[in-house]
Amino acid sequence: MQAMLVLYMVEQLLLAEPCRKIAGLRRFSAFIESVTGPLSVQALASQIFGSISGWCASLPFLGACWVIE
């Protein structure tokens, strides 16, 4: 499923026309490229997926720490 999502982002989502309709994508990709350097479309899609899955994995721990305090 992860590979299919990245391929979907590469083939359909990060093309020139649909890319303009996504709010904040240029700023987010500029932030990622400021950290990693220039990226190809597939590398950018992989970085986007990695950052989203990283946030999804870490937010429950932050919420649990907040509730415990």
C-alpha atoms as a PDB file:
ATOM      1  CA  MET A   1       0.000   0.000   0.000  1.00  0.00           C
ATOM      2  CA  GLN A   2       2.846   2.386   0.762  1.00  0.00           C
ATOM      3  CA  ALA A   3       4.470   1.840  -2.610  1.00  0.00           C
ATOM      4  CA  MET A   4       1.158   2.329  -4.396  1.00  0.00           C
ATOM      5  CA  LEU A   5       0.573   5.606  -2.548  1.00  0.00           C
ATOM      6  CA  VAL A   6       4.020   6.900  -3.507  1.00  0.00           C
ATOM      7  CA  LEU A   7       3.479   5.846  -7.128  1.00  0.00           C
ATOM      8  CA  TYR A   8       0.098   7.592  -7.133  1.00  0.00           C
ATOM      9  CA  MET A   9       1.714  10.772  -5.849  1.00  0.00           C
ATOM     10  CA  VAL A  10       4.423  10.558  -8.506  1.00  0.00           C
ATOM     11  CA  GLU A  11       2.132   9.803 -11.439  1.00  0.00           C
ATOM     12  CA  GLN A  12      -1.007  11.792 -10.621  1.00  0.00           C
ATOM     13  CA  LEU A  13      -0.652  14.184  -7.723  1.00  0.00           C
ATOM     14  CA  LEU A  14       2.714  15.885  -8.193  1.00  0.00           C
ATOM     15  CA  LEU A  15       2.233  16.710 -11.853  1.00  0.00           C
ATOM     16  CA  ALA A  16       2.140  20.361 -12.894  1.00  0.00           C
ATOM     17  CA  GLU A  17      -1.638  20.809 -13.162  1.00  0.00           C
ATOM     18  CA  PRO A  18      -2.958  19.087  -9.995  1.00  0.00           C
ATOM     19  CA  CYS A  19       0.009  20.345  -7.992  1.00  0.00           C
ATOM     20  CA  ARG A  20      -1.252  23.932  -8.180  1.00  0.00           C
ATOM     21  CA  LYS A  21      -4.515  22.989  -6.434  1.00  0.00           C
ATOM     22  CA  ILE A  22      -2.875  21.580  -3.289  1.00  0.00           C
ATOM     23  CA  ALA A  23      -2.705  24.215  -0.570  1.00  0.00           C
ATOM     24  CA  GLY A  24       0.719  24.582   1.001  1.00  0.00           C
ATOM     25  CA  LEU A  25       2.491  22.010  -1.162  1.00  0.00           C
ATOM     26  CA  ARG A  26       5.025  24.464  -2.588  1.00  0.00           C
ATOM     27  CA  ARG A  27       5.959  25.739   0.860  1.00  0.00           C
ATOM     28  CA  PHE A  28       6.157  22.186   2.256  1.00  0.00           C
ATOM     29  CA  SER A  29       8.290  20.931  -0.638  1.00  0.00           C
ATOM     30  CA  ALA A  30      10.537  23.998  -0.328  1.00  0.00           C
ATOM     31  CA  PHE A  31      11.024  23.198   3.357  1.00  0.00           C
ATOM     32  CA  ILE A  32      11.878  19.564   2.601  1.00  0.00           C
ATOM     33  CA  GLU A  33      14.299  20.590  -0.155  1.00  0.00           C
ATOM     34  CA  SER A  34      15.957  23.115   2.163  1.00  0.00           C
ATOM     35  CA  VAL A  35      16.800  20.235   4.491  1.00  0.00           C
ATOM     36  CA  THR A  36      17.677  17.541   1.939  1.00  0.00           C
ATOM     37  CA  GLY A  37      18.657  19.477  -1.176  1.00  0.00           C
ATOM     38  CA  PRO A  38      17.047  19.288  -4.615  1.00  0.00           C
ATOM     39  CA  LEU A  39      14.810  16.236  -5.043  1.00  0.00           C
ATOM     40  CA  SER A  40      13.277  14.419  -7.964  1.00  0.00           C
ATOM     41  CA  VAL A  41       9.518  13.918  -8.038  1.00  0.00           C
ATOM     42  CA  GLN A  42       9.780  10.354  -6.742  1.00  0.00           C
ATOM     43  CA  ALA A  43      12.151  11.352  -3.951  1.00  0.00           C
ATOM     44  CA  LEU A  44       9.819  14.206  -2.963  1.00  0.00           C
ATOM     45  CA  ALA A  45       6.869  11.801  -2.849  1.00  0.00           C
ATOM     46  CA  SER A  46       8.879   9.430  -0.658  1.00  0.00           C
ATOM     47  CA  GLN A  47       9.857  12.266   1.680  1.00  0.00           C
ATOM     48  CA  ILE A  48       6.233  13.434   1.931  1.00  0.00           C
ATOM     49  CA  PHE A  49       5.066   9.920   2.740  1.00  0.00           C
ATOM     50  CA  GLY A  50       7.840   9.443   5.276  1.00  0.00           C
ATOM     51  CA  SER A  51       7.075  12.678   7.066  1.00  0.00           C
ATOM     52  CA  ILE A  52       3.346  11.941   7.220  1.00  0.00           C
ATOM     53  CA  SER A  53       3.883   8.418   8.549  1.00  0.00           C
ATOM     54  CA  GLY A  54       6.446   9.721  11.041  1.00  0.00           C
ATOM     55  CA  TRP A  55       3.996  12.262  12.407  1.00  0.00           C
ATOM     56  CA  CYS A  56       1.232   9.655  12.582  1.00  0.00           C
ATOM     57  CA  ALA A  57       3.524   7.324  14.529  1.00  0.00           C
ATOM     58  CA  SER A  58       4.772   9.960  16.977  1.00  0.00           C
ATOM     59  CA  LEU A  59       1.617  11.941  17.760  1.00  0.00           C
ATOM     60  CA  PRO A  60       0.007   9.246  19.960  1.00  0.00           C
ATOM     61  CA  PHE A  61       3.082   9.304  22.193  1.00  0.00           C
ATOM     62  CA  LEU A  62       2.922  13.083  22.494  1.00  0.00           C
ATOM     63  CA  GLY A  63      -0.779  12.877  23.327  1.00  0.00           C
ATOM     64  CA  ALA A  64      -0.155  10.212  25.944  1.00  0.00           C
ATOM     65  CA  CYS A  65       2.553  12.327  27.576  1.00  0.00           C
ATOM     66  CA  TRP A  66       0.216  15.295  27.665  1.00  0.00           C
ATOM     67  CA  VAL A  67      -2.616  13.299  29.286  1.00  0.00           C
ATOM     68  CA  ILE A  68      -0.324  11.758  31.904  1.00  0.00           C
ATOM     69  CA  GLU A  69       0.928  15.143  33.090  1.00  0.00           C
END
